[in-house]
Amino acid sequence: MKKQFFQLLFISILFVLCSFNLIVKEKQVSDFKLKCAKTNHWVSLSDYKNAKGFIIIFTCNKCPMAKFYSQRLNQMSDKYKTVGIPLIAINSMDTLAYAEESFKKMQNKVKTDKLNFPYLQDKKQVVGKNFKASVTPQAFVIWKQNNKYIVKYEGSIDDNAGDYQNVKNHFLTNAVDQLLKGNEVFIKNSEPFGCRIFYRGIIDKMK
């Protein structure tokens, strides 16, 4: 009986410690200041004083997968900015390797796709590395907690880039809706699919 008691106590302590580690290891990201192709002004998270959190989308000009999402992102921006969740898109592609990702081409995309949200250039790729973004498009939901930016969701926008009518899992908007209700995000991660973000220094893979 005593042996069973100590085994149960050990399991309980282990569970508490694991839970504590999960809380402590929640991913945080830093504020940034990047130039916006839509307004030609500099934008940072701290500009949005009343924001509860943010939808951050790493995207680009050229990627076929990213192109599918422009209008969906416009709709999300319209919906969530009214409840304190601005949508911000960031282009972290290497402009030295890919001329089509230039700031001028970003401005063209804003006009062509009639983007209604900030589209920022991460020219030095610092923000992409901070988020550990790997492909375009890749979505993050970050929440403001005690003056920190905590990542609550990262991965795909949804599970069907090419056919919006047949999306079964709205990973991104589900995460935002759950947080707005004061709940934990049920699916915190999903596999993003798209064009790889090559960071400078990986020249041998830039083909």
N, C-alpha and C. Protein backbone atom coordinates (compact mmCIF):
# COMPACT_ATOMS: atom_id res chain seq x y z
N MET A 1 0.83 -1.21 0.00
CA MET A 1 0.00 0.00 0.00
C MET A 1 0.87 1.26 0.00
N LYS A 2 1.93 1.21 0.87
CA LYS A 2 2.84 2.35 0.95
C LYS A 2 3.56 2.54 -0.38
N LYS A 3 3.93 1.43 -1.02
CA LYS A 3 4.63 1.49 -2.30
C LYS A 3 3.74 2.14 -3.36
N GLN A 4 2.48 1.78 -3.39
CA GLN A 4 1.54 2.35 -4.35
C GLN A 4 1.35 3.84 -4.11
N PHE A 5 1.34 4.22 -2.81
CA PHE A 5 1.20 5.64 -2.45
C PHE A 5 2.36 6.46 -3.01
N PHE A 6 3.58 5.97 -2.83
CA PHE A 6 4.75 6.70 -3.32
C PHE A 6 4.82 6.73 -4.84
N GLN A 7 4.36 5.66 -5.47
CA GLN A 7 4.31 5.64 -6.93
C GLN A 7 3.33 6.70 -7.44
N LEU A 8 2.17 6.78 -6.81
CA LEU A 8 1.17 7.77 -7.17
C LEU A 8 1.69 9.18 -6.92
N LEU A 9 2.38 9.38 -5.81
CA LEU A 9 2.94 10.68 -5.48
C LEU A 9 3.98 11.08 -6.51
N PHE A 10 4.82 10.13 -6.91
CA PHE A 10 5.87 10.40 -7.90
C PHE A 10 5.25 10.80 -9.24
N ILE A 11 4.21 10.08 -9.66
CA ILE A 11 3.54 10.38 -10.93
C ILE A 11 2.90 11.77 -10.88
N SER A 12 2.30 12.11 -9.73
CA SER A 12 1.66 13.42 -9.59
C SER A 12 2.68 14.55 -9.68
N ILE A 13 3.81 14.37 -9.01
CA ILE A 13 4.88 15.38 -9.06
C ILE A 13 5.42 15.53 -10.47
N LEU A 14 5.59 14.40 -11.14
CA LEU A 14 6.09 14.42 -12.51
C LEU A 14 5.14 15.15 -13.43
N PHE A 15 3.85 14.92 -13.25
CA PHE A 15 2.83 15.59 -14.06
C PHE A 15 2.87 17.10 -13.85
N VAL A 16 2.98 17.52 -12.60
CA VAL A 16 3.04 18.95 -12.28
C VAL A 16 4.27 19.59 -12.91
N LEU A 17 5.41 18.91 -12.80
CA LEU A 17 6.64 19.45 -13.36
C LEU A 17 6.56 19.57 -14.88
N CYS A 18 5.99 18.56 -15.52
CA CYS A 18 5.84 18.59 -16.98
C CYS A 18 4.91 19.73 -17.39
N SER A 19 3.82 19.90 -16.66
CA SER A 19 2.89 20.99 -16.95
C SER A 19 3.57 22.34 -16.79
N PHE A 20 4.37 22.46 -15.74
CA PHE A 20 5.09 23.71 -15.49
C PHE A 20 6.05 24.01 -16.63
N ASN A 21 6.76 22.97 -17.10
CA ASN A 21 7.71 23.15 -18.20
C ASN A 21 7.01 23.60 -19.47
N LEU A 22 5.80 23.06 -19.72
CA LEU A 22 5.05 23.44 -20.90
C LEU A 22 4.68 24.91 -20.85
N ILE A 23 4.31 25.39 -19.64
CA ILE A 23 3.94 26.78 -19.48
C ILE A 23 5.16 27.68 -19.67
N VAL A 24 6.27 27.30 -19.04
CA VAL A 24 7.48 28.11 -19.09
C VAL A 24 8.01 28.21 -20.51
N LYS A 25 7.90 27.14 -21.26
CA LYS A 25 8.51 27.09 -22.59
C LYS A 25 7.62 27.63 -23.70
N GLU A 26 6.54 28.31 -23.35
CA GLU A 26 5.72 28.94 -24.38
C GLU A 26 6.59 29.89 -25.20
N LYS A 27 6.47 29.79 -26.50
CA LYS A 27 7.32 30.58 -27.40
C LYS A 27 6.95 32.05 -27.35
N GLN A 28 7.97 32.89 -27.20
CA GLN A 28 7.78 34.33 -27.22
C GLN A 28 8.50 34.92 -28.43
N VAL A 29 7.98 36.03 -28.93
CA VAL A 29 8.64 36.75 -30.02
C VAL A 29 8.81 38.21 -29.62
N SER A 30 9.75 38.86 -30.26
CA SER A 30 10.05 40.25 -29.94
C SER A 30 9.29 41.20 -30.86
N ASP A 31 9.11 42.41 -30.39
CA ASP A 31 8.54 43.46 -31.23
C ASP A 31 9.51 43.74 -32.38
N PHE A 32 9.01 44.38 -33.41
CA PHE A 32 9.84 44.69 -34.58
C PHE A 32 9.39 46.01 -35.17
N LYS A 33 10.17 46.51 -36.09
CA LYS A 33 9.83 47.74 -36.81
C LYS A 33 10.25 47.56 -38.26
N LEU A 34 9.25 47.42 -39.14
CA LEU A 34 9.51 47.14 -40.54
C LEU A 34 8.74 48.11 -41.43
N LYS A 35 9.24 48.30 -42.64
CA LYS A 35 8.62 49.24 -43.58
C LYS A 35 7.46 48.58 -44.31
N CYS A 36 6.37 49.35 -44.43
CA CYS A 36 5.13 48.83 -45.02
C CYS A 36 5.02 49.21 -46.49
N ALA A 37 4.79 48.22 -47.34
CA ALA A 37 4.65 48.45 -48.78
C ALA A 37 3.33 49.15 -49.11
N LYS A 38 2.38 49.08 -48.21
CA LYS A 38 1.07 49.70 -48.46
C LYS A 38 1.10 51.20 -48.20
N THR A 39 1.79 51.61 -47.14
CA THR A 39 1.78 53.02 -46.74
C THR A 39 3.13 53.72 -46.86
N ASN A 40 4.19 52.92 -47.02
CA ASN A 40 5.56 53.43 -47.04
C ASN A 40 6.00 53.95 -45.67
N HIS A 41 5.26 53.57 -44.62
CA HIS A 41 5.60 53.96 -43.25
C HIS A 41 6.17 52.75 -42.50
N TRP A 42 6.80 53.04 -41.36
CA TRP A 42 7.34 51.97 -40.53
C TRP A 42 6.26 51.50 -39.56
N VAL A 43 6.20 50.19 -39.36
CA VAL A 43 5.15 49.59 -38.53
C VAL A 43 5.79 48.68 -37.48
N SER A 44 5.27 48.76 -36.26
CA SER A 44 5.70 47.84 -35.20
C SER A 44 4.47 47.36 -34.44
N LEU A 45 4.63 46.29 -33.67
CA LEU A 45 3.52 45.77 -32.88
C LEU A 45 3.07 46.79 -31.83
N SER A 46 4.03 47.51 -31.28
CA SER A 46 3.72 48.47 -30.22
C SER A 46 2.90 49.66 -30.73
N ASP A 47 2.78 49.81 -32.05
CA ASP A 47 1.91 50.86 -32.60
C ASP A 47 0.44 50.59 -32.28
N TYR A 48 0.12 49.32 -32.09
CA TYR A 48 -1.28 48.92 -31.87
C TYR A 48 -1.54 48.82 -30.36
N LYS A 49 -1.78 49.96 -29.76
CA LYS A 49 -1.89 50.05 -28.31
C LYS A 49 -3.04 49.21 -27.75
N ASN A 50 -4.13 49.11 -28.48
CA ASN A 50 -5.32 48.43 -27.96
C ASN A 50 -5.49 47.00 -28.47
N ALA A 51 -4.48 46.50 -29.17
CA ALA A 51 -4.58 45.15 -29.72
C ALA A 51 -4.51 44.09 -28.62
N LYS A 52 -5.36 43.08 -28.73
CA LYS A 52 -5.32 41.94 -27.80
C LYS A 52 -4.25 40.95 -28.25
N GLY A 53 -4.06 40.90 -29.54
CA GLY A 53 -3.09 39.98 -30.14
C GLY A 53 -2.98 40.30 -31.61
N PHE A 54 -2.30 39.44 -32.35
CA PHE A 54 -2.06 39.68 -33.77
C PHE A 54 -2.12 38.39 -34.57
N ILE A 55 -2.56 38.52 -35.81
CA ILE A 55 -2.39 37.47 -36.80
C ILE A 55 -1.18 37.88 -37.64
N ILE A 56 -0.14 37.07 -37.62
CA ILE A 56 1.06 37.36 -38.40
C ILE A 56 1.18 36.32 -39.51
N ILE A 57 1.28 36.80 -40.74
CA ILE A 57 1.39 35.90 -41.90
C ILE A 57 2.71 36.16 -42.62
N PHE A 58 3.56 35.15 -42.68
CA PHE A 58 4.75 35.26 -43.51
C PHE A 58 4.37 34.83 -44.92
N THR A 59 4.55 35.75 -45.86
CA THR A 59 4.14 35.51 -47.23
C THR A 59 5.15 36.16 -48.17
N CYS A 60 4.86 36.16 -49.45
CA CYS A 60 5.78 36.77 -50.41
C CYS A 60 5.02 37.08 -51.71
N ASN A 61 5.75 37.59 -52.69
CA ASN A 61 5.12 37.99 -53.95
C ASN A 61 4.94 36.83 -54.92
N LYS A 62 5.93 35.97 -55.00
CA LYS A 62 6.03 35.01 -56.11
C LYS A 62 5.41 33.65 -55.83
N CYS A 63 5.42 33.21 -54.60
CA CYS A 63 5.02 31.83 -54.27
C CYS A 63 3.58 31.53 -54.70
N PRO A 64 3.38 30.50 -55.53
CA PRO A 64 2.02 30.15 -55.99
C PRO A 64 1.08 29.83 -54.83
N MET A 65 1.59 29.16 -53.80
CA MET A 65 0.74 28.82 -52.66
C MET A 65 0.28 30.07 -51.92
N ALA A 66 1.19 31.03 -51.77
CA ALA A 66 0.84 32.27 -51.07
C ALA A 66 -0.21 33.07 -51.84
N LYS A 67 -0.15 33.01 -53.17
CA LYS A 67 -1.07 33.79 -54.00
C LYS A 67 -2.53 33.38 -53.79
N PHE A 68 -2.75 32.12 -53.40
CA PHE A 68 -4.12 31.65 -53.18
C PHE A 68 -4.83 32.40 -52.05
N TYR A 69 -4.04 32.99 -51.14
CA TYR A 69 -4.62 33.45 -49.88
C TYR A 69 -4.91 34.94 -49.78
N SER A 70 -4.59 35.72 -50.78
CA SER A 70 -4.75 37.18 -50.66
C SER A 70 -6.15 37.60 -50.24
N GLN A 71 -7.16 37.08 -50.91
CA GLN A 71 -8.53 37.51 -50.60
C GLN A 71 -9.02 36.94 -49.27
N ARG A 72 -8.57 35.74 -48.93
CA ARG A 72 -8.92 35.18 -47.62
C ARG A 72 -8.35 36.05 -46.50
N LEU A 73 -7.11 36.51 -46.70
CA LEU A 73 -6.48 37.35 -45.69
C LEU A 73 -7.18 38.70 -45.59
N ASN A 74 -7.62 39.24 -46.72
CA ASN A 74 -8.39 40.49 -46.69
C ASN A 74 -9.65 40.32 -45.84
N GLN A 75 -10.33 39.19 -46.02
CA GLN A 75 -11.56 38.93 -45.25
C GLN A 75 -11.26 38.78 -43.76
N MET A 76 -10.18 38.08 -43.45
CA MET A 76 -9.79 37.92 -42.04
C MET A 76 -9.44 39.26 -41.42
N SER A 77 -8.72 40.08 -42.16
CA SER A 77 -8.33 41.40 -41.66
C SER A 77 -9.55 42.23 -41.32
N ASP A 78 -10.52 42.25 -42.23
CA ASP A 78 -11.76 43.01 -42.00
C ASP A 78 -12.49 42.51 -40.76
N LYS A 79 -12.52 41.20 -40.59
CA LYS A 79 -13.27 40.60 -39.48
C LYS A 79 -12.60 40.84 -38.13
N TYR A 80 -11.31 40.61 -38.05
CA TYR A 80 -10.65 40.57 -36.74
C TYR A 80 -10.08 41.90 -36.27
N LYS A 81 -9.84 42.83 -37.17
CA LYS A 81 -9.32 44.12 -36.70
C LYS A 81 -10.38 44.86 -35.88
N THR A 82 -11.65 44.56 -36.13
CA THR A 82 -12.73 45.22 -35.38
C THR A 82 -12.83 44.72 -33.95
N VAL A 83 -12.20 43.58 -33.65
CA VAL A 83 -12.23 43.04 -32.29
C VAL A 83 -10.84 43.04 -31.65
N GLY A 84 -9.94 43.86 -32.21
CA GLY A 84 -8.64 44.05 -31.59
C GLY A 84 -7.57 43.05 -31.97
N ILE A 85 -7.73 42.41 -33.13
CA ILE A 85 -6.72 41.46 -33.60
C ILE A 85 -6.28 41.87 -35.01
N PRO A 86 -5.32 42.77 -35.14
CA PRO A 86 -4.86 43.17 -36.48
C PRO A 86 -4.12 42.04 -37.19
N LEU A 87 -4.25 42.04 -38.51
CA LEU A 87 -3.50 41.10 -39.34
C LEU A 87 -2.34 41.84 -39.99
N ILE A 88 -1.15 41.26 -39.88
CA ILE A 88 0.05 41.86 -40.46
C ILE A 88 0.77 40.79 -41.28
N ALA A 89 1.10 41.13 -42.53
CA ALA A 89 1.84 40.21 -43.39
C ALA A 89 3.30 40.67 -43.47
N ILE A 90 4.21 39.71 -43.52
CA ILE A 90 5.64 40.00 -43.54
C ILE A 90 6.30 39.20 -44.66
N ASN A 91 7.15 39.88 -45.43
CA ASN A 91 7.93 39.22 -46.47
C ASN A 91 9.39 39.14 -46.02
N SER A 92 9.82 37.92 -45.68
CA SER A 92 11.20 37.71 -45.22
C SER A 92 12.09 37.07 -46.29
N MET A 93 11.59 37.00 -47.52
CA MET A 93 12.38 36.40 -48.59
C MET A 93 13.65 37.22 -48.86
N ASP A 94 14.69 36.54 -49.27
CA ASP A 94 15.98 37.18 -49.53
C ASP A 94 15.93 37.93 -50.86
N THR A 95 15.91 39.24 -50.79
CA THR A 95 15.83 40.05 -52.02
C THR A 95 17.12 40.00 -52.82
N LEU A 96 18.23 39.62 -52.19
CA LEU A 96 19.50 39.50 -52.92
C LEU A 96 19.47 38.29 -53.84
N ALA A 97 18.73 37.27 -53.42
CA ALA A 97 18.63 36.05 -54.23
C ALA A 97 17.42 36.08 -55.16
N TYR A 98 16.37 36.78 -54.75
CA TYR A 98 15.12 36.78 -55.51
C TYR A 98 14.68 38.21 -55.77
N ALA A 99 14.96 38.70 -56.96
CA ALA A 99 14.63 40.09 -57.32
C ALA A 99 13.13 40.34 -57.31
N GLU A 100 12.33 39.29 -57.53
CA GLU A 100 10.88 39.46 -57.56
C GLU A 100 10.29 39.73 -56.18
N GLU A 101 11.12 39.65 -55.14
CA GLU A 101 10.65 39.94 -53.79
C GLU A 101 11.04 41.34 -53.32
N SER A 102 11.38 42.20 -54.25
CA SER A 102 11.78 43.57 -53.92
C SER A 102 10.62 44.37 -53.32
N PHE A 103 10.96 45.47 -52.67
CA PHE A 103 9.94 46.33 -52.07
C PHE A 103 9.01 46.89 -53.13
N LYS A 104 9.55 47.22 -54.29
CA LYS A 104 8.73 47.73 -55.39
C LYS A 104 7.71 46.68 -55.83
N LYS A 105 8.14 45.44 -55.93
CA LYS A 105 7.22 44.37 -56.32
C LYS A 105 6.19 44.11 -55.21
N MET A 106 6.59 44.33 -53.99
CA MET A 106 5.62 44.22 -52.89
C MET A 106 4.55 45.30 -53.02
N GLN A 107 4.94 46.49 -53.38
CA GLN A 107 3.98 47.58 -53.59
C GLN A 107 3.03 47.25 -54.73
N ASN A 108 3.55 46.61 -55.76
CA ASN A 108 2.70 46.19 -56.88
C ASN A 108 1.67 45.16 -56.42
N LYS A 109 2.11 44.25 -55.56
CA LYS A 109 1.20 43.21 -55.05
C LYS A 109 0.08 43.84 -54.22
N VAL A 110 0.42 44.83 -53.41
CA VAL A 110 -0.58 45.52 -52.60
C VAL A 110 -1.69 46.08 -53.49
N LYS A 111 -1.28 46.69 -54.60
CA LYS A 111 -2.26 47.30 -55.52
C LYS A 111 -3.04 46.24 -56.29
N THR A 112 -2.33 45.25 -56.81
CA THR A 112 -2.98 44.21 -57.62
C THR A 112 -3.99 43.40 -56.81
N ASP A 113 -3.58 43.01 -55.59
CA ASP A 113 -4.44 42.18 -54.75
C ASP A 113 -5.33 43.00 -53.82
N LYS A 114 -5.19 44.32 -53.90
CA LYS A 114 -5.99 45.24 -53.06
C LYS A 114 -5.91 44.85 -51.58
N LEU A 115 -4.69 44.65 -51.11
CA LEU A 115 -4.49 44.23 -49.73
C LEU A 115 -4.94 45.31 -48.77
N ASN A 116 -5.71 44.94 -47.76
CA ASN A 116 -6.25 45.91 -46.80
C ASN A 116 -5.55 45.82 -45.45
N PHE A 117 -4.37 45.23 -45.43
CA PHE A 117 -3.59 45.07 -44.20
C PHE A 117 -2.13 45.42 -44.48
N PRO A 118 -1.34 45.70 -43.46
CA PRO A 118 0.07 46.04 -43.68
C PRO A 118 0.84 44.86 -44.27
N TYR A 119 1.66 45.16 -45.27
CA TYR A 119 2.54 44.16 -45.89
C TYR A 119 3.95 44.68 -45.72
N LEU A 120 4.70 44.07 -44.81
CA LEU A 120 5.98 44.60 -44.36
C LEU A 120 7.17 43.84 -44.96
N GLN A 121 8.24 44.58 -45.19
CA GLN A 121 9.46 43.96 -45.72
C GLN A 121 10.46 43.72 -44.59
N ASP A 122 10.79 42.46 -44.40
CA ASP A 122 11.81 42.05 -43.43
C ASP A 122 13.13 41.89 -44.18
N LYS A 123 13.67 43.02 -44.61
CA LYS A 123 14.82 43.01 -45.53
C LYS A 123 16.03 42.29 -44.96
N LYS A 124 16.26 42.44 -43.67
CA LYS A 124 17.43 41.80 -43.04
C LYS A 124 17.10 40.41 -42.50
N GLN A 125 15.88 39.97 -42.68
CA GLN A 125 15.42 38.64 -42.28
C GLN A 125 15.47 38.39 -40.77
N VAL A 126 15.55 39.44 -40.00
CA VAL A 126 15.65 39.31 -38.55
C VAL A 126 14.34 38.80 -37.95
N VAL A 127 13.22 39.32 -38.43
CA VAL A 127 11.92 38.94 -37.87
C VAL A 127 11.58 37.50 -38.23
N GLY A 128 11.86 37.12 -39.47
CA GLY A 128 11.62 35.74 -39.87
C GLY A 128 12.38 34.75 -39.00
N LYS A 129 13.63 35.09 -38.69
CA LYS A 129 14.45 34.22 -37.83
C LYS A 129 13.91 34.21 -36.40
N ASN A 130 13.43 35.35 -35.94
CA ASN A 130 12.87 35.44 -34.59
C ASN A 130 11.66 34.52 -34.44
N PHE A 131 10.80 34.52 -35.45
CA PHE A 131 9.62 33.67 -35.43
C PHE A 131 9.94 32.22 -35.82
N LYS A 132 11.12 32.02 -36.41
CA LYS A 132 11.48 30.71 -36.98
C LYS A 132 10.52 30.33 -38.11
N ALA A 133 10.16 31.33 -38.90
CA ALA A 133 9.31 31.08 -40.08
C ALA A 133 10.11 30.30 -41.11
N SER A 134 9.47 29.34 -41.76
CA SER A 134 10.20 28.47 -42.68
C SER A 134 9.66 28.49 -44.10
N VAL A 135 8.37 28.80 -44.27
CA VAL A 135 7.78 28.78 -45.61
C VAL A 135 6.80 29.94 -45.76
N THR A 136 6.36 30.14 -47.01
CA THR A 136 5.27 31.08 -47.27
C THR A 136 4.16 30.31 -48.00
N PRO A 137 2.92 30.47 -47.52
CA PRO A 137 2.50 31.25 -46.36
C PRO A 137 2.64 30.43 -45.08
N GLN A 138 2.92 31.13 -43.99
CA GLN A 138 2.96 30.51 -42.67
C GLN A 138 2.32 31.47 -41.69
N ALA A 139 1.41 30.95 -40.88
CA ALA A 139 0.62 31.79 -39.99
C ALA A 139 1.05 31.65 -38.53
N PHE A 140 0.96 32.75 -37.82
CA PHE A 140 1.20 32.78 -36.37
C PHE A 140 0.09 33.60 -35.72
N VAL A 141 -0.39 33.13 -34.59
CA VAL A 141 -1.27 33.95 -33.76
C VAL A 141 -0.49 34.25 -32.49
N ILE A 142 -0.27 35.53 -32.22
CA ILE A 142 0.44 35.91 -31.02
C ILE A 142 -0.49 36.72 -30.12
N TRP A 143 -0.33 36.53 -28.81
CA TRP A 143 -1.22 37.15 -27.84
C TRP A 143 -0.41 38.01 -26.88
N LYS A 144 -0.94 39.16 -26.53
CA LYS A 144 -0.27 40.05 -25.59
C LYS A 144 -0.56 39.61 -24.15
N GLN A 145 0.51 39.28 -23.43
CA GLN A 145 0.36 38.87 -22.04
C GLN A 145 1.48 39.50 -21.22
N ASN A 146 1.12 40.36 -20.29
CA ASN A 146 2.11 41.00 -19.42
C ASN A 146 3.22 41.67 -20.23
N ASN A 147 2.80 42.42 -21.24
CA ASN A 147 3.72 43.15 -22.11
C ASN A 147 4.67 42.25 -22.90
N LYS A 148 4.27 40.99 -23.06
CA LYS A 148 5.05 40.05 -23.88
C LYS A 148 4.16 39.55 -25.01
N TYR A 149 4.81 39.08 -26.07
CA TYR A 149 4.08 38.55 -27.22
C TYR A 149 4.28 37.03 -27.25
N ILE A 150 3.21 36.31 -26.93
CA ILE A 150 3.26 34.86 -26.79
C ILE A 150 2.64 34.19 -28.01
N VAL A 151 3.35 33.25 -28.60
CA VAL A 151 2.83 32.52 -29.76
C VAL A 151 1.83 31.47 -29.28
N LYS A 152 0.60 31.59 -29.75
CA LYS A 152 -0.47 30.66 -29.36
C LYS A 152 -0.79 29.65 -30.46
N TYR A 153 -0.45 30.00 -31.69
CA TYR A 153 -0.67 29.08 -32.81
C TYR A 153 0.37 29.36 -33.89
N GLU A 154 0.84 28.31 -34.55
CA GLU A 154 1.69 28.48 -35.73
C GLU A 154 1.50 27.31 -36.69
N GLY A 155 1.51 27.64 -37.98
CA GLY A 155 1.35 26.60 -38.99
C GLY A 155 0.61 27.08 -40.21
N SER A 156 -0.26 26.25 -40.72
CA SER A 156 -1.03 26.57 -41.92
C SER A 156 -2.18 27.52 -41.61
N ILE A 157 -2.61 28.25 -42.63
CA ILE A 157 -3.80 29.09 -42.50
C ILE A 157 -5.04 28.20 -42.43
N ASP A 158 -5.11 27.26 -43.34
CA ASP A 158 -6.17 26.25 -43.35
C ASP A 158 -5.64 25.03 -44.09
N ASP A 159 -6.50 24.07 -44.40
CA ASP A 159 -6.02 22.82 -44.99
C ASP A 159 -6.31 22.68 -46.49
N ASN A 160 -6.67 23.79 -47.15
CA ASN A 160 -6.93 23.69 -48.58
C ASN A 160 -6.63 25.03 -49.25
N ALA A 161 -5.40 25.19 -49.71
CA ALA A 161 -4.99 26.47 -50.33
C ALA A 161 -5.75 26.73 -51.62
N GLY A 162 -5.89 25.71 -52.43
CA GLY A 162 -6.42 25.90 -53.77
C GLY A 162 -7.93 26.01 -53.88
N ASP A 163 -8.65 25.53 -52.87
CA ASP A 163 -10.11 25.49 -52.97
C ASP A 163 -10.73 25.89 -51.63
N TYR A 164 -11.02 27.16 -51.49
CA TYR A 164 -11.55 27.69 -50.23
C TYR A 164 -12.88 27.03 -49.85
N GLN A 165 -13.68 26.71 -50.84
CA GLN A 165 -15.00 26.14 -50.57
C GLN A 165 -14.91 24.77 -49.90
N ASN A 166 -13.78 24.09 -50.07
CA ASN A 166 -13.64 22.75 -49.50
C ASN A 166 -12.66 22.69 -48.33
N VAL A 167 -12.42 23.83 -47.69
CA VAL A 167 -11.60 23.83 -46.47
C VAL A 167 -12.34 23.10 -45.36
N LYS A 168 -11.67 22.17 -44.71
CA LYS A 168 -12.28 21.43 -43.60
C LYS A 168 -11.75 21.91 -42.24
N ASN A 169 -10.51 22.35 -42.22
CA ASN A 169 -9.90 22.79 -40.97
C ASN A 169 -9.40 24.23 -41.10
N HIS A 170 -10.09 25.14 -40.45
CA HIS A 170 -9.69 26.56 -40.45
C HIS A 170 -8.76 26.79 -39.25
N PHE A 171 -7.54 26.28 -39.35
CA PHE A 171 -6.65 26.29 -38.19
C PHE A 171 -6.47 27.69 -37.60
N LEU A 172 -6.19 28.65 -38.45
CA LEU A 172 -5.86 30.00 -37.99
C LEU A 172 -7.06 30.69 -37.33
N THR A 173 -8.17 30.76 -38.03
CA THR A 173 -9.33 31.47 -37.47
C THR A 173 -9.92 30.73 -36.27
N ASN A 174 -9.81 29.40 -36.25
CA ASN A 174 -10.26 28.66 -35.07
C ASN A 174 -9.45 29.07 -33.85
N ALA A 175 -8.14 29.21 -34.03
CA ALA A 175 -7.27 29.59 -32.92
C ALA A 175 -7.64 30.97 -32.39
N VAL A 176 -7.85 31.91 -33.30
CA VAL A 176 -8.21 33.27 -32.89
C VAL A 176 -9.55 33.27 -32.15
N ASP A 177 -10.53 32.57 -32.69
CA ASP A 177 -11.86 32.53 -32.07
C ASP A 177 -11.80 31.92 -30.67
N GLN A 178 -11.01 30.88 -30.50
CA GLN A 178 -10.88 30.25 -29.19
C GLN A 178 -10.26 31.20 -28.18
N LEU A 179 -9.23 31.93 -28.60
CA LEU A 179 -8.58 32.88 -27.71
C LEU A 179 -9.52 34.03 -27.34
N LEU A 180 -10.30 34.49 -28.29
CA LEU A 180 -11.24 35.57 -28.01
C LEU A 180 -12.31 35.17 -27.00
N LYS A 181 -12.58 33.88 -26.93
CA LYS A 181 -13.54 33.37 -25.94
C LYS A 181 -12.90 33.07 -24.60
N GLY A 182 -11.58 33.31 -24.52
CA GLY A 182 -10.87 33.06 -23.27
C GLY A 182 -10.44 31.62 -23.09
N ASN A 183 -10.48 30.85 -24.16
CA ASN A 183 -10.11 29.45 -24.10
C ASN A 183 -8.68 29.23 -24.61
N GLU A 184 -8.13 28.08 -24.27
CA GLU A 184 -6.85 27.68 -24.84
C GLU A 184 -7.06 27.23 -26.28
N VAL A 185 -6.04 27.38 -27.10
CA VAL A 185 -6.12 26.93 -28.49
C VAL A 185 -6.06 25.41 -28.52
N PHE A 186 -7.03 24.80 -29.19
CA PHE A 186 -7.11 23.34 -29.23
C PHE A 186 -5.99 22.74 -30.09
N ILE A 187 -5.82 23.29 -31.29
CA ILE A 187 -4.73 22.84 -32.17
C ILE A 187 -3.71 23.98 -32.23
N LYS A 188 -2.58 23.80 -31.57
CA LYS A 188 -1.58 24.86 -31.46
C LYS A 188 -0.59 24.87 -32.61
N ASN A 189 -0.46 23.75 -33.29
CA ASN A 189 0.50 23.63 -34.39
C ASN A 189 -0.10 22.82 -35.53
N SER A 190 0.25 23.21 -36.75
CA SER A 190 -0.06 22.40 -37.92
C SER A 190 1.11 22.54 -38.89
N GLU A 191 1.15 21.70 -39.87
CA GLU A 191 2.27 21.70 -40.82
C GLU A 191 2.04 22.74 -41.91
N PRO A 192 2.92 23.76 -42.00
CA PRO A 192 2.74 24.75 -43.07
C PRO A 192 3.30 24.22 -44.39
N PHE A 193 2.64 24.58 -45.48
CA PHE A 193 3.09 24.16 -46.81
C PHE A 193 3.24 25.38 -47.69
N GLY A 194 4.31 25.42 -48.48
CA GLY A 194 4.51 26.55 -49.37
C GLY A 194 5.95 26.62 -49.85
N CYS A 195 6.38 27.81 -50.18
CA CYS A 195 7.72 28.03 -50.70
C CYS A 195 8.67 28.32 -49.55
N ARG A 196 9.79 27.67 -49.58
CA ARG A 196 10.74 27.78 -48.47
C ARG A 196 11.35 29.18 -48.39
N ILE A 197 11.50 29.65 -47.16
CA ILE A 197 12.22 30.90 -46.92
C ILE A 197 13.69 30.55 -46.75
N PHE A 198 14.53 30.99 -47.68
CA PHE A 198 15.96 30.74 -47.59
C PHE A 198 16.62 31.94 -46.91
N TYR A 199 17.25 31.66 -45.80
CA TYR A 199 17.95 32.72 -45.09
C TYR A 199 19.38 32.84 -45.61
N ARG A 200 19.87 34.04 -45.66
CA ARG A 200 21.22 34.28 -46.17
C ARG A 200 22.23 33.43 -45.43
N GLY A 201 23.18 32.88 -46.20
CA GLY A 201 24.15 31.98 -45.62
C GLY A 201 23.87 30.54 -46.01
N ILE A 202 22.71 30.30 -46.64
CA ILE A 202 22.39 28.95 -47.11
C ILE A 202 22.41 28.99 -48.64
N ILE A 203 23.44 29.59 -49.17
CA ILE A 203 23.54 29.83 -50.61
C ILE A 203 23.51 28.54 -51.43
N ASP A 204 24.11 27.46 -50.86
CA ASP A 204 24.16 26.21 -51.62
C ASP A 204 22.79 25.61 -51.86
N LYS A 205 21.77 26.06 -51.09
CA LYS A 205 20.41 25.53 -51.26
C LYS A 205 19.52 26.47 -52.06
N MET A 206 20.07 27.59 -52.47
CA MET A 206 19.27 28.56 -53.22
C MET A 206 19.31 28.21 -54.71
N LYS A 207 18.43 27.35 -55.12
CA LYS A 207 18.39 26.90 -56.51
C LYS A 207 17.01 27.12 -57.08
